[in-house]
Amino acid sequence: VQVTLNLIDAVAGPRLLRLVHVGTNAEYGSAPVPQAGDGPCRPNSAYGASKLAASSVVMAKTWSEALPATVVRPFLVYGEGMSINSFL
């Protein structure tokens, strides 16, 4: 969470167009499927809990300080066995 706060402090200002914070599907953890961006988060690992805390800080700053930010939670970015043509 502190790293996320430090990043926000470093980039925030009049030239910031939008901060995109990359969360993870682990933030949903054991929440019922299908998940939705505004649905419940129930992380079941330290990794998921720490990423949810960082995402929550970003969103709190968005709501309270008008920080231009978005949180995305990709489910699978790239993994073993995927075609090299699918790499972003």
Foldseek 3Di string as FASTA:
>chain_A
DVVLVVVCVVPDDDVDPEAEAEAAPLQQPPPDPPDDPPDDGDHDDPRNVVSVVSVVVVVVCCVPVVHRYDYDHDHDQDDPPDDPVSHD
